[in-house]
Amino acid sequence: MSWLITKYLLTAGMVVFISEVAKRSDKLGGFIAALPLMTLLTLTWLYIENQPEEKIANHAYYTFWYVIPTLPMFLLFPYLLPKLGFWLTLGTCVLATVICFGLFAFLMKNFGIKLL
C-alpha cells in the first residue's frame, strides 16, 4: 500500500511541478511538459514491479504511435482558446483528438500497425 501511495505522490507531484513552472515561464513549462516524464515514470514503475520486458517495450512502442494523433491538439488549442473560451476549447480539442486518433488508427492498419 505504501508503494502505491508513493507512486501516486511522485506522479501527481510531476503534474503540480510542471503547472507551477508554467505559471512562471510559458516556454520552460511547455518544454518540461513536452518531455516524456510520465512515460519514463510509467516505464520505471513497470520495471520496478517486475513486469515482463515485452510489456515494458510494448508500452514504449504504443506510446510513440499514440502521441502522433495528439499533436494537432497543441496547435488547435491556442487557436480556439480566444474564440471559444477554455472549456469549449478543451472539449473541442478532446473531440478533435479522438477523431484524429480514429483516422490515424485506420490509416496505420494499412501498414500492419494495429492501434485499436
PDB file of N, CA and C in Angstrom:
ATOM      1  N   MET A   1       0.824  -1.199   0.000  1.00  0.00           N
ATOM      2  CA  MET A   1       0.000   0.000   0.000  1.00  0.00           C
ATOM      3  C   MET A   1       0.865   1.257   0.000  1.00  0.00           C
ATOM      4  N   SER A   2       1.960   1.242   0.761  1.00  0.00           N
ATOM      5  CA  SER A   2       2.824   2.430   0.798  1.00  0.00           C
ATOM      6  C   SER A   2       3.483   2.660  -0.559  1.00  0.00           C
ATOM      7  N   TRP A   3       3.732   1.553  -1.313  1.00  0.00           N
ATOM      8  CA  TRP A   3       4.308   1.707  -2.652  1.00  0.00           C
ATOM      9  C   TRP A   3       3.326   2.430  -3.570  1.00  0.00           C
ATOM     10  N   LEU A   4       2.044   2.064  -3.491  1.00  0.00           N
ATOM     11  CA  LEU A   4       1.028   2.689  -4.315  1.00  0.00           C
ATOM     12  C   LEU A   4       0.901   4.181  -3.983  1.00  0.00           C
ATOM     13  N   ILE A   5       0.943   4.514  -2.724  1.00  0.00           N
ATOM     14  CA  ILE A   5       0.881   5.913  -2.299  1.00  0.00           C
ATOM     15  C   ILE A   5       2.100   6.679  -2.812  1.00  0.00           C
ATOM     16  N   THR A   6       3.269   6.060  -2.742  1.00  0.00           N
ATOM     17  CA  THR A   6       4.497   6.685  -3.256  1.00  0.00           C
ATOM     18  C   THR A   6       4.365   6.961  -4.750  1.00  0.00           C
ATOM     19  N   LYS A   7       3.857   5.990  -5.506  1.00  0.00           N
ATOM     20  CA  LYS A   7       3.665   6.173  -6.944  1.00  0.00           C
ATOM     21  C   LYS A   7       2.729   7.345  -7.219  1.00  0.00           C
ATOM     22  N   TYR A   8       1.615   7.388  -6.506  1.00  0.00           N
ATOM     23  CA  TYR A   8       0.661   8.479  -6.701  1.00  0.00           C
ATOM     24  C   TYR A   8       1.289   9.830  -6.380  1.00  0.00           C
ATOM     25  N   LEU A   9       1.990   9.915  -5.274  1.00  0.00           N
ATOM     26  CA  LEU A   9       2.591  11.187  -4.870  1.00  0.00           C
ATOM     27  C   LEU A   9       3.640  11.664  -5.856  1.00  0.00           C
ATOM     28  N   LEU A  10       4.508  10.768  -6.297  1.00  0.00           N
ATOM     29  CA  LEU A  10       5.552  11.161  -7.259  1.00  0.00           C
ATOM     30  C   LEU A  10       4.950  11.562  -8.601  1.00  0.00           C
ATOM     31  N   THR A  11       3.991  10.800  -9.064  1.00  0.00           N
ATOM     32  CA  THR A  11       3.380  11.092 -10.361  1.00  0.00           C
ATOM     33  C   THR A  11       2.569  12.387 -10.296  1.00  0.00           C
ATOM     34  N   ALA A  12       1.766  12.551  -9.267  1.00  0.00           N
ATOM     35  CA  ALA A  12       0.998  13.786  -9.101  1.00  0.00           C
ATOM     36  C   ALA A  12       1.932  14.972  -8.881  1.00  0.00           C
ATOM     37  N   GLY A  13       2.998  14.736  -8.167  1.00  0.00           N
ATOM     38  CA  GLY A  13       3.981  15.792  -7.934  1.00  0.00           C
ATOM     39  C   GLY A  13       4.564  16.343  -9.221  1.00  0.00           C
ATOM     40  N   MET A  14       4.730  15.477 -10.221  1.00  0.00           N
ATOM     41  CA  MET A  14       5.248  15.941 -11.515  1.00  0.00           C
ATOM     42  C   MET A  14       4.252  16.887 -12.177  1.00  0.00           C
ATOM     43  N   VAL A  15       2.975  16.569 -12.112  1.00  0.00           N
ATOM     44  CA  VAL A  15       1.951  17.428 -12.718  1.00  0.00           C
ATOM     45  C   VAL A  15       1.923  18.784 -12.013  1.00  0.00           C
ATOM     46  N   VAL A  16       1.964  18.769 -10.696  1.00  0.00           N
ATOM     47  CA  VAL A  16       1.954  20.016  -9.924  1.00  0.00           C
ATOM     48  C   VAL A  16       3.213  20.825 -10.242  1.00  0.00           C
ATOM     49  N   PHE A  17       4.359  20.160 -10.284  1.00  0.00           N
ATOM     50  CA  PHE A  17       5.622  20.841 -10.591  1.00  0.00           C
ATOM     51  C   PHE A  17       5.554  21.528 -11.950  1.00  0.00           C
ATOM     52  N   ILE A  18       5.076  20.803 -12.956  1.00  0.00           N
ATOM     53  CA  ILE A  18       5.011  21.374 -14.309  1.00  0.00           C
ATOM     54  C   ILE A  18       4.045  22.556 -14.344  1.00  0.00           C
ATOM     55  N   SER A  19       2.906  22.450 -13.673  1.00  0.00           N
ATOM     56  CA  SER A  19       1.959  23.574 -13.688  1.00  0.00           C
ATOM     57  C   SER A  19       2.525  24.788 -12.963  1.00  0.00           C
ATOM     58  N   GLU A  20       3.290  24.563 -11.903  1.00  0.00           N
ATOM     59  CA  GLU A  20       3.909  25.688 -11.186  1.00  0.00           C
ATOM     60  C   GLU A  20       4.990  26.356 -12.036  1.00  0.00           C
ATOM     61  N   VAL A  21       5.781  25.562 -12.742  1.00  0.00           N
ATOM     62  CA  VAL A  21       6.800  26.125 -13.639  1.00  0.00           C
ATOM     63  C   VAL A  21       6.114  26.901 -14.762  1.00  0.00           C
ATOM     64  N   ALA A  22       5.024  26.357 -15.311  1.00  0.00           N
ATOM     65  CA  ALA A  22       4.312  27.011 -16.414  1.00  0.00           C
ATOM     66  C   ALA A  22       3.725  28.356 -15.994  1.00  0.00           C
ATOM     67  N   LYS A  23       3.384  28.527 -14.712  1.00  0.00           N
ATOM     68  CA  LYS A  23       2.895  29.820 -14.229  1.00  0.00           C
ATOM     69  C   LYS A  23       3.959  30.892 -14.365  1.00  0.00           C
ATOM     70  N   ARG A  24       5.198  30.488 -14.205  1.00  0.00           N
ATOM     71  CA  ARG A  24       6.311  31.434 -14.228  1.00  0.00           C
ATOM     72  C   ARG A  24       6.927  31.608 -15.605  1.00  0.00           C
ATOM     73  N   SER A  25       6.897  30.539 -16.416  1.00  0.00           N
ATOM     74  CA  SER A  25       7.504  30.606 -17.742  1.00  0.00           C
ATOM     75  C   SER A  25       6.744  29.700 -18.703  1.00  0.00           C
ATOM     76  N   ASP A  26       6.112  30.316 -19.694  1.00  0.00           N
ATOM     77  CA  ASP A  26       5.379  29.536 -20.696  1.00  0.00           C
ATOM     78  C   ASP A  26       6.306  28.570 -21.414  1.00  0.00           C
ATOM     79  N   LYS A  27       7.461  29.073 -21.827  1.00  0.00           N
ATOM     80  CA  LYS A  27       8.394  28.254 -22.604  1.00  0.00           C
ATOM     81  C   LYS A  27       8.962  27.103 -21.786  1.00  0.00           C
ATOM     82  N   LEU A  28       9.421  27.388 -20.581  1.00  0.00           N
ATOM     83  CA  LEU A  28      10.010  26.330 -19.760  1.00  0.00           C
ATOM     84  C   LEU A  28       8.940  25.317 -19.341  1.00  0.00           C
ATOM     85  N   GLY A  29       7.750  25.793 -18.992  1.00  0.00           N
ATOM     86  CA  GLY A  29       6.657  24.884 -18.641  1.00  0.00           C
ATOM     87  C   GLY A  29       6.292  23.981 -19.806  1.00  0.00           C
ATOM     88  N   GLY A  30       6.215  24.557 -21.006  1.00  0.00           N
ATOM     89  CA  GLY A  30       5.919  23.764 -22.200  1.00  0.00           C
ATOM     90  C   GLY A  30       7.017  22.763 -22.500  1.00  0.00           C
ATOM     91  N   PHE A  31       8.252  23.198 -22.329  1.00  0.00           N
ATOM     92  CA  PHE A  31       9.393  22.304 -22.575  1.00  0.00           C
ATOM     93  C   PHE A  31       9.362  21.108 -21.626  1.00  0.00           C
ATOM     94  N   ILE A  32       9.165  21.376 -20.349  1.00  0.00           N
ATOM     95  CA  ILE A  32       9.145  20.288 -19.360  1.00  0.00           C
ATOM     96  C   ILE A  32       7.944  19.370 -19.618  1.00  0.00           C
ATOM     97  N   ALA A  33       6.789  19.970 -19.958  1.00  0.00           N
ATOM     98  CA  ALA A  33       5.602  19.162 -20.235  1.00  0.00           C
ATOM     99  C   ALA A  33       5.793  18.289 -21.471  1.00  0.00           C
ATOM    100  N   ALA A  34       6.578  18.770 -22.426  1.00  0.00           N
ATOM    101  CA  ALA A  34       6.812  18.008 -23.651  1.00  0.00           C
ATOM    102  C   ALA A  34       7.775  16.843 -23.441  1.00  0.00           C
ATOM    103  N   LEU A  35       8.550  16.898 -22.383  1.00  0.00           N
ATOM    104  CA  LEU A  35       9.451  15.779 -22.099  1.00  0.00           C
ATOM    105  C   LEU A  35       8.615  14.551 -21.742  1.00  0.00           C
ATOM    106  N   PRO A  36       9.080  13.395 -22.085  1.00  0.00           N
ATOM    107  CA  PRO A  36       8.287  12.195 -21.794  1.00  0.00           C
ATOM    108  C   PRO A  36       8.418  11.737 -20.339  1.00  0.00           C
ATOM    109  N   LEU A  37       8.251  12.672 -19.399  1.00  0.00           N
ATOM    110  CA  LEU A  37       8.441  12.348 -17.984  1.00  0.00           C
ATOM    111  C   LEU A  37       7.452  11.303 -17.481  1.00  0.00           C
ATOM    112  N   MET A  38       6.183  11.439 -17.859  1.00  0.00           N
ATOM    113  CA  MET A  38       5.189  10.462 -17.400  1.00  0.00           C
ATOM    114  C   MET A  38       5.473   9.085 -17.985  1.00  0.00           C
ATOM    115  N   THR A  39       5.882   9.053 -19.235  1.00  0.00           N
ATOM    116  CA  THR A  39       6.219   7.769 -19.848  1.00  0.00           C
ATOM    117  C   THR A  39       7.420   7.149 -19.154  1.00  0.00           C
ATOM    118  N   LEU A  40       8.424   7.963 -18.849  1.00  0.00           N
ATOM    119  CA  LEU A  40       9.602   7.432 -18.151  1.00  0.00           C
ATOM    120  C   LEU A  40       9.232   6.919 -16.763  1.00  0.00           C
ATOM    121  N   LEU A  41       8.366   7.653 -16.068  1.00  0.00           N
ATOM    122  CA  LEU A  41       7.898   7.177 -14.765  1.00  0.00           C
ATOM    123  C   LEU A  41       7.133   5.863 -14.904  1.00  0.00           C
ATOM    124  N   THR A  42       6.264   5.795 -15.904  1.00  0.00           N
ATOM    125  CA  THR A  42       5.484   4.577 -16.110  1.00  0.00           C
ATOM    126  C   THR A  42       6.386   3.391 -16.425  1.00  0.00           C
ATOM    127  N   LEU A  43       7.357   3.603 -17.307  1.00  0.00           N
ATOM    128  CA  LEU A  43       8.305   2.531 -17.623  1.00  0.00           C
ATOM    129  C   LEU A  43       9.066   2.095 -16.373  1.00  0.00           C
ATOM    130  N   THR A  44       9.427   3.064 -15.551  1.00  0.00           N
ATOM    131  CA  THR A  44      10.136   2.758 -14.300  1.00  0.00           C
ATOM    132  C   THR A  44       9.244   1.952 -13.362  1.00  0.00           C
ATOM    133  N   TRP A  45       7.966   2.385 -13.217  1.00  0.00           N
ATOM    134  CA  TRP A  45       7.044   1.657 -12.336  1.00  0.00           C
ATOM    135  C   TRP A  45       6.870   0.221 -12.834  1.00  0.00           C
ATOM    136  N   LEU A  46       6.710   0.053 -14.143  1.00  0.00           N
ATOM    137  CA  LEU A  46       6.547  -1.294 -14.686  1.00  0.00           C
ATOM    138  C   LEU A  46       7.773  -2.162 -14.403  1.00  0.00           C
ATOM    139  N   TYR A  47       8.949  -1.576 -14.560  1.00  0.00           N
ATOM    140  CA  TYR A  47      10.189  -2.318 -14.319  1.00  0.00           C
ATOM    141  C   TYR A  47      10.317  -2.698 -12.839  1.00  0.00           C
ATOM    142  N   ILE A  48      10.098  -1.729 -11.962  1.00  0.00           N
ATOM    143  CA  ILE A  48      10.231  -1.977 -10.523  1.00  0.00           C
ATOM    144  C   ILE A  48       9.230  -3.038 -10.065  1.00  0.00           C
ATOM    145  N   GLU A  49       8.066  -3.056 -10.714  1.00  0.00           N
ATOM    146  CA  GLU A  49       7.031  -4.026 -10.346  1.00  0.00           C
ATOM    147  C   GLU A  49       7.181  -5.355 -11.087  1.00  0.00           C
ATOM    148  N   ASN A  50       8.378  -5.573 -11.642  1.00  0.00           N
ATOM    149  CA  ASN A  50       8.754  -6.844 -12.276  1.00  0.00           C
ATOM    150  C   ASN A  50       7.833  -7.269 -13.415  1.00  0.00           C
ATOM    151  N   GLN A  51       7.392  -6.299 -14.196  1.00  0.00           N
ATOM    152  CA  GLN A  51       6.602  -6.642 -15.375  1.00  0.00           C
ATOM    153  C   GLN A  51       7.538  -7.206 -16.447  1.00  0.00           C
ATOM    154  N   PRO A  52       7.044  -8.070 -17.307  1.00  0.00           N
ATOM    155  CA  PRO A  52       7.888  -8.646 -18.357  1.00  0.00           C
ATOM    156  C   PRO A  52       8.441  -7.558 -19.281  1.00  0.00           C
ATOM    157  N   GLU A  53       9.642  -7.793 -19.782  1.00  0.00           N
ATOM    158  CA  GLU A  53      10.263  -6.817 -20.686  1.00  0.00           C
ATOM    159  C   GLU A  53       9.385  -6.548 -21.900  1.00  0.00           C
ATOM    160  N   GLU A  54       8.691  -7.566 -22.381  1.00  0.00           N
ATOM    161  CA  GLU A  54       7.819  -7.389 -23.546  1.00  0.00           C
ATOM    162  C   GLU A  54       6.714  -6.377 -23.248  1.00  0.00           C
ATOM    163  N   LYS A  55       6.148  -6.419 -22.063  1.00  0.00           N
ATOM    164  CA  LYS A  55       5.101  -5.466 -21.672  1.00  0.00           C
ATOM    165  C   LYS A  55       5.675  -4.046 -21.593  1.00  0.00           C
ATOM    166  N   ILE A  56       6.863  -3.909 -21.045  1.00  0.00           N
ATOM    167  CA  ILE A  56       7.508  -2.593 -20.932  1.00  0.00           C
ATOM    168  C   ILE A  56       7.825  -2.052 -22.323  1.00  0.00           C
ATOM    169  N   ALA A  57       8.373  -2.909 -23.188  1.00  0.00           N
ATOM    170  CA  ALA A  57       8.701  -2.489 -24.554  1.00  0.00           C
ATOM    171  C   ALA A  57       7.432  -2.113 -25.323  1.00  0.00           C
ATOM    172  N   ASN A  58       6.368  -2.892 -25.155  1.00  0.00           N
ATOM    173  CA  ASN A  58       5.108  -2.587 -25.834  1.00  0.00           C
ATOM    174  C   ASN A  58       4.549  -1.245 -25.386  1.00  0.00           C
ATOM    175  N   HIS A  59       4.701  -0.947 -24.103  1.00  0.00           N
ATOM    176  CA  HIS A  59       4.216   0.349 -23.613  1.00  0.00           C
ATOM    177  C   HIS A  59       4.931   1.488 -24.339  1.00  0.00           C
ATOM    178  N   ALA A  60       6.237   1.409 -24.449  1.00  0.00           N
ATOM    179  CA  ALA A  60       7.002   2.446 -25.152  1.00  0.00           C
ATOM    180  C   ALA A  60       6.600   2.513 -26.625  1.00  0.00           C
ATOM    181  N   TYR A  61       6.449   1.356 -27.247  1.00  0.00           N
ATOM    182  CA  TYR A  61       6.086   1.285 -28.663  1.00  0.00           C
ATOM    183  C   TYR A  61       4.740   1.947 -28.920  1.00  0.00           C
ATOM    184  N   TYR A  62       3.719   1.577 -28.156  1.00  0.00           N
ATOM    185  CA  TYR A  62       2.386   2.146 -28.367  1.00  0.00           C
ATOM    186  C   TYR A  62       2.323   3.611 -27.960  1.00  0.00           C
ATOM    187  N   THR A  63       3.089   4.012 -26.969  1.00  0.00           N
ATOM    188  CA  THR A  63       3.125   5.428 -26.603  1.00  0.00           C
ATOM    189  C   THR A  63       3.582   6.262 -27.793  1.00  0.00           C
ATOM    190  N   PHE A  64       4.605   5.789 -28.506  1.00  0.00           N
ATOM    191  CA  PHE A  64       5.077   6.504 -29.704  1.00  0.00           C
ATOM    192  C   PHE A  64       3.929   6.705 -30.686  1.00  0.00           C
ATOM    193  N   TRP A  65       3.222   5.644 -31.011  1.00  0.00           N
ATOM    194  CA  TRP A  65       2.151   5.736 -32.004  1.00  0.00           C
ATOM    195  C   TRP A  65       0.975   6.561 -31.504  1.00  0.00           C
ATOM    196  N   TYR A  66       0.700   6.538 -30.205  1.00  0.00           N
ATOM    197  CA  TYR A  66      -0.433   7.287 -29.674  1.00  0.00           C
ATOM    198  C   TYR A  66      -0.137   8.776 -29.539  1.00  0.00           C
ATOM    199  N   VAL A  67       1.109   9.156 -29.485  1.00  0.00           N
ATOM    200  CA  VAL A  67       1.463  10.578 -29.384  1.00  0.00           C
ATOM    201  C   VAL A  67       1.149  11.309 -30.689  1.00  0.00           C
ATOM    202  N   ILE A  68       1.405  10.667 -31.807  1.00  0.00           N
ATOM    203  CA  ILE A  68       1.274  11.330 -33.104  1.00  0.00           C
ATOM    204  C   ILE A  68      -0.114  11.948 -33.323  1.00  0.00           C
ATOM    205  N   PRO A  69      -1.222  11.212 -33.115  1.00  0.00           N
ATOM    206  CA  PRO A  69      -2.522  11.856 -33.365  1.00  0.00           C
ATOM    207  C   PRO A  69      -2.929  12.881 -32.307  1.00  0.00           C
ATOM    208  N   THR A  70      -2.166  13.015 -31.229  1.00  0.00           N
ATOM    209  CA  THR A  70      -2.493  14.048 -30.242  1.00  0.00           C
ATOM    210  C   THR A  70      -1.851  15.390 -30.589  1.00  0.00           C
ATOM    211  N   LEU A  71      -0.884  15.394 -31.475  1.00  0.00           N
ATOM    212  CA  LEU A  71      -0.139  16.627 -31.774  1.00  0.00           C
ATOM    213  C   LEU A  71      -0.996  17.759 -32.348  1.00  0.00           C
ATOM    214  N   PRO A  72      -1.957  17.481 -33.230  1.00  0.00           N
ATOM    215  CA  PRO A  72      -2.771  18.607 -33.735  1.00  0.00           C
ATOM    216  C   PRO A  72      -3.477  19.404 -32.630  1.00  0.00           C
ATOM    217  N   MET A  73      -3.797  18.751 -31.519  1.00  0.00           N
ATOM    218  CA  MET A  73      -4.469  19.445 -30.426  1.00  0.00           C
ATOM    219  C   MET A  73      -3.643  20.623 -29.914  1.00  0.00           C
ATOM    220  N   PHE A  74      -2.330  20.476 -29.921  1.00  0.00           N
ATOM    221  CA  PHE A  74      -1.475  21.531 -29.395  1.00  0.00           C
ATOM    222  C   PHE A  74      -1.442  22.761 -30.297  1.00  0.00           C
ATOM    223  N   LEU A  75      -1.808  22.615 -31.548  1.00  0.00           N
ATOM    224  CA  LEU A  75      -1.952  23.766 -32.441  1.00  0.00           C
ATOM    225  C   LEU A  75      -3.382  24.303 -32.411  1.00  0.00           C
ATOM    226  N   LEU A  76      -4.344  23.399 -32.276  1.00  0.00           N
ATOM    227  CA  LEU A  76      -5.752  23.795 -32.259  1.00  0.00           C
ATOM    228  C   LEU A  76      -6.106  24.562 -30.986  1.00  0.00           C
ATOM    229  N   PHE A  77      -5.586  24.135 -29.853  1.00  0.00           N
ATOM    230  CA  PHE A  77      -5.941  24.753 -28.565  1.00  0.00           C
ATOM    231  C   PHE A  77      -5.644  26.259 -28.531  1.00  0.00           C
ATOM    232  N   PRO A  78      -4.415  26.709 -28.835  1.00  0.00           N
ATOM    233  CA  PRO A  78      -4.177  28.157 -28.764  1.00  0.00           C
ATOM    234  C   PRO A  78      -4.962  28.955 -29.812  1.00  0.00           C
ATOM    235  N   TYR A  79      -5.296  28.306 -30.926  1.00  0.00           N
ATOM    236  CA  TYR A  79      -6.092  28.988 -31.943  1.00  0.00           C
ATOM    237  C   TYR A  79      -7.532  29.193 -31.471  1.00  0.00           C
ATOM    238  N   LEU A  80      -8.119  28.165 -30.854  1.00  0.00           N
ATOM    239  CA  LEU A  80      -9.527  28.228 -30.450  1.00  0.00           C
ATOM    240  C   LEU A  80      -9.766  28.951 -29.123  1.00  0.00           C
ATOM    241  N   LEU A  81      -8.784  28.952 -28.240  1.00  0.00           N
ATOM    242  CA  LEU A  81      -8.982  29.499 -26.893  1.00  0.00           C
ATOM    243  C   LEU A  81      -9.562  30.911 -26.883  1.00  0.00           C
ATOM    244  N   PRO A  82      -9.011  31.868 -27.643  1.00  0.00           N
ATOM    245  CA  PRO A  82      -9.601  33.216 -27.596  1.00  0.00           C
ATOM    246  C   PRO A  82     -10.989  33.298 -28.241  1.00  0.00           C
ATOM    247  N   LYS A  83     -11.312  32.330 -29.089  1.00  0.00           N
ATOM    248  CA  LYS A  83     -12.596  32.349 -29.783  1.00  0.00           C
ATOM    249  C   LYS A  83     -13.713  31.658 -29.000  1.00  0.00           C
ATOM    250  N   LEU A  84     -13.368  30.564 -28.292  1.00  0.00           N
ATOM    251  CA  LEU A  84     -14.403  29.743 -27.662  1.00  0.00           C
ATOM    252  C   LEU A  84     -14.367  29.734 -26.143  1.00  0.00           C
ATOM    253  N   GLY A  85     -13.301  30.220 -25.546  1.00  0.00           N
ATOM    254  CA  GLY A  85     -13.149  30.115 -24.100  1.00  0.00           C
ATOM    255  C   GLY A  85     -12.533  28.773 -23.735  1.00  0.00           C
ATOM    256  N   PHE A  86     -12.161  28.623 -22.464  1.00  0.00           N
ATOM    257  CA  PHE A  86     -11.389  27.462 -22.040  1.00  0.00           C
ATOM    258  C   PHE A  86     -12.141  26.144 -22.179  1.00  0.00           C
ATOM    259  N   TRP A  87     -13.323  26.025 -21.591  1.00  0.00           N
ATOM    260  CA  TRP A  87     -13.999  24.725 -21.516  1.00  0.00           C
ATOM    261  C   TRP A  87     -14.450  24.231 -22.880  1.00  0.00           C
ATOM    262  N   LEU A  88     -14.994  25.105 -23.696  1.00  0.00           N
ATOM    263  CA  LEU A  88     -15.419  24.692 -25.033  1.00  0.00           C
ATOM    264  C   LEU A  88     -14.201  24.329 -25.893  1.00  0.00           C
ATOM    265  N   THR A  89     -13.123  25.077 -25.731  1.00  0.00           N
ATOM    266  CA  THR A  89     -11.889  24.745 -26.448  1.00  0.00           C
ATOM    267  C   THR A  89     -11.367  23.387 -26.004  1.00  0.00           C
ATOM    268  N   LEU A  90     -11.370  23.145 -24.699  1.00  0.00           N
ATOM    269  CA  LEU A  90     -10.894  21.863 -24.178  1.00  0.00           C
ATOM    270  C   LEU A  90     -11.735  20.709 -24.732  1.00  0.00           C
ATOM    271  N   GLY A  91     -13.047  20.863 -24.705  1.00  0.00           N
ATOM    272  CA  GLY A  91     -13.926  19.828 -25.242  1.00  0.00           C
ATOM    273  C   GLY A  91     -13.722  19.607 -26.729  1.00  0.00           C
ATOM    274  N   THR A  92     -13.588  20.689 -27.473  1.00  0.00           N
ATOM    275  CA  THR A  92     -13.353  20.593 -28.910  1.00  0.00           C
ATOM    276  C   THR A  92     -12.039  19.874 -29.191  1.00  0.00           C
ATOM    277  N   CYS A  93     -11.022  20.185 -28.406  1.00  0.00           N
ATOM    278  CA  CYS A  93      -9.713  19.552 -28.594  1.00  0.00           C
ATOM    279  C   CYS A  93      -9.760  18.063 -28.258  1.00  0.00           C
ATOM    280  N   VAL A  94     -10.511  17.702 -27.232  1.00  0.00           N
ATOM    281  CA  VAL A  94     -10.669  16.277 -26.903  1.00  0.00           C
ATOM    282  C   VAL A  94     -11.356  15.567 -28.065  1.00  0.00           C
ATOM    283  N   LEU A  95     -12.433  16.147 -28.567  1.00  0.00           N
ATOM    284  CA  LEU A  95     -13.156  15.556 -29.689  1.00  0.00           C
ATOM    285  C   LEU A  95     -12.253  15.459 -30.928  1.00  0.00           C
ATOM    286  N   ALA A  96     -11.521  16.519 -31.225  1.00  0.00           N
ATOM    287  CA  ALA A  96     -10.610  16.506 -32.375  1.00  0.00           C
ATOM    288  C   ALA A  96      -9.542  15.430 -32.218  1.00  0.00           C
ATOM    289  N   THR A  97      -9.050  15.254 -30.994  1.00  0.00           N
ATOM    290  CA  THR A  97      -8.031  14.236 -30.745  1.00  0.00           C
ATOM    291  C   THR A  97      -8.596  12.837 -30.942  1.00  0.00           C
ATOM    292  N   VAL A  98      -9.819  12.613 -30.481  1.00  0.00           N
ATOM    293  CA  VAL A  98     -10.462  11.304 -30.672  1.00  0.00           C
ATOM    294  C   VAL A  98     -10.639  11.028 -32.171  1.00  0.00           C
ATOM    295  N   ILE A  99     -11.063  12.021 -32.916  1.00  0.00           N
ATOM    296  CA  ILE A  99     -11.234  11.864 -34.361  1.00  0.00           C
ATOM    297  C   ILE A  99      -9.888  11.606 -35.029  1.00  0.00           C
ATOM    298  N   CYS A 100      -8.883  12.389 -34.670  1.00  0.00           N
ATOM    299  CA  CYS A 100      -7.541  12.193 -35.238  1.00  0.00           C
ATOM    300  C   CYS A 100      -7.015  10.797 -34.920  1.00  0.00           C
ATOM    301  N   PHE A 101      -7.257  10.356 -33.692  1.00  0.00           N
ATOM    302  CA  PHE A 101      -6.790   9.034 -33.309  1.00  0.00           C
ATOM    303  C   PHE A 101      -7.487   7.948 -34.134  1.00  0.00           C
ATOM    304  N   GLY A 102      -8.803   8.064 -34.297  1.00  0.00           N
ATOM    305  CA  GLY A 102      -9.531   7.077 -35.093  1.00  0.00           C
ATOM    306  C   GLY A 102      -9.041   7.028 -36.528  1.00  0.00           C
ATOM    307  N   LEU A 103      -8.866   8.199 -37.131  1.00  0.00           N
ATOM    308  CA  LEU A 103      -8.363   8.255 -38.506  1.00  0.00           C
ATOM    309  C   LEU A 103      -6.945   7.705 -38.600  1.00  0.00           C
ATOM    310  N   PHE A 104      -6.125   8.046 -37.632  1.00  0.00           N
ATOM    311  CA  PHE A 104      -4.733   7.581 -37.623  1.00  0.00           C
ATOM    312  C   PHE A 104      -4.682   6.060 -37.457  1.00  0.00           C
ATOM    313  N   ALA A 105      -5.491   5.530 -36.556  1.00  0.00           N
ATOM    314  CA  ALA A 105      -5.523   4.073 -36.343  1.00  0.00           C
ATOM    315  C   ALA A 105      -5.973   3.363 -37.615  1.00  0.00           C
ATOM    316  N   PHE A 106      -6.977   3.926 -38.296  1.00  0.00           N
ATOM    317  CA  PHE A 106      -7.450   3.347 -39.550  1.00  0.00           C
ATOM    318  C   PHE A 106      -6.337   3.371 -40.597  1.00  0.00           C
ATOM    319  N   LEU A 107      -5.636   4.480 -40.702  1.00  0.00           N
ATOM    320  CA  LEU A 107      -4.540   4.609 -41.665  1.00  0.00           C
ATOM    321  C   LEU A 107      -3.406   3.637 -41.351  1.00  0.00           C
ATOM    322  N   MET A 108      -3.034   3.548 -40.079  1.00  0.00           N
ATOM    323  CA  MET A 108      -1.898   2.706 -39.698  1.00  0.00           C
ATOM    324  C   MET A 108      -2.211   1.218 -39.867  1.00  0.00           C
ATOM    325  N   LYS A 109      -3.485   0.861 -39.827  1.00  0.00           N
ATOM    326  CA  LYS A 109      -3.874  -0.543 -40.040  1.00  0.00           C
ATOM    327  C   LYS A 109      -3.416  -0.998 -41.422  1.00  0.00           C
ATOM    328  N   ASN A 110      -3.396  -0.071 -42.388  1.00  0.00           N
ATOM    329  CA  ASN A 110      -2.934  -0.396 -43.746  1.00  0.00           C
ATOM    330  C   ASN A 110      -1.448  -0.740 -43.782  1.00  0.00           C
ATOM    331  N   PHE A 111      -0.720  -0.340 -42.743  1.00  0.00           N
ATOM    332  CA  PHE A 111       0.712  -0.627 -42.671  1.00  0.00           C
ATOM    333  C   PHE A 111       1.009  -1.753 -41.667  1.00  0.00           C
ATOM    334  N   GLY A 112      -0.027  -2.433 -41.224  1.00  0.00           N
ATOM    335  CA  GLY A 112       0.150  -3.559 -40.309  1.00  0.00           C
ATOM    336  C   GLY A 112       0.331  -3.164 -38.859  1.00  0.00           C
ATOM    337  N   ILE A 113       0.048  -1.908 -38.524  1.00  0.00           N
ATOM    338  CA  ILE A 113       0.163  -1.448 -37.127  1.00  0.00           C
ATOM    339  C   ILE A 113      -1.240  -1.333 -36.561  1.00  0.00           C
ATOM    340  N   LYS A 114      -1.562  -2.188 -35.610  1.00  0.00           N
ATOM    341  CA  LYS A 114      -2.910  -2.238 -35.032  1.00  0.00           C
ATOM    342  C   LYS A 114      -2.936  -1.455 -33.718  1.00  0.00           C
ATOM    343  N   LEU A 115      -3.588  -0.313 -33.736  1.00  0.00           N
ATOM    344  CA  LEU A 115      -3.652   0.545 -32.558  1.00  0.00           C
ATOM    345  C   LEU A 115      -4.957   0.374 -31.790  1.00  0.00           C
ATOM    346  N   LEU A 116      -5.946  -0.207 -32.405  1.00  0.00           N
ATOM    347  CA  LEU A 116      -7.223  -0.441 -31.720  1.00  0.00           C
ATOM    348  C   LEU A 116      -7.449  -1.932 -31.570  1.00  0.00           C
TER     349      LEU A 116
END
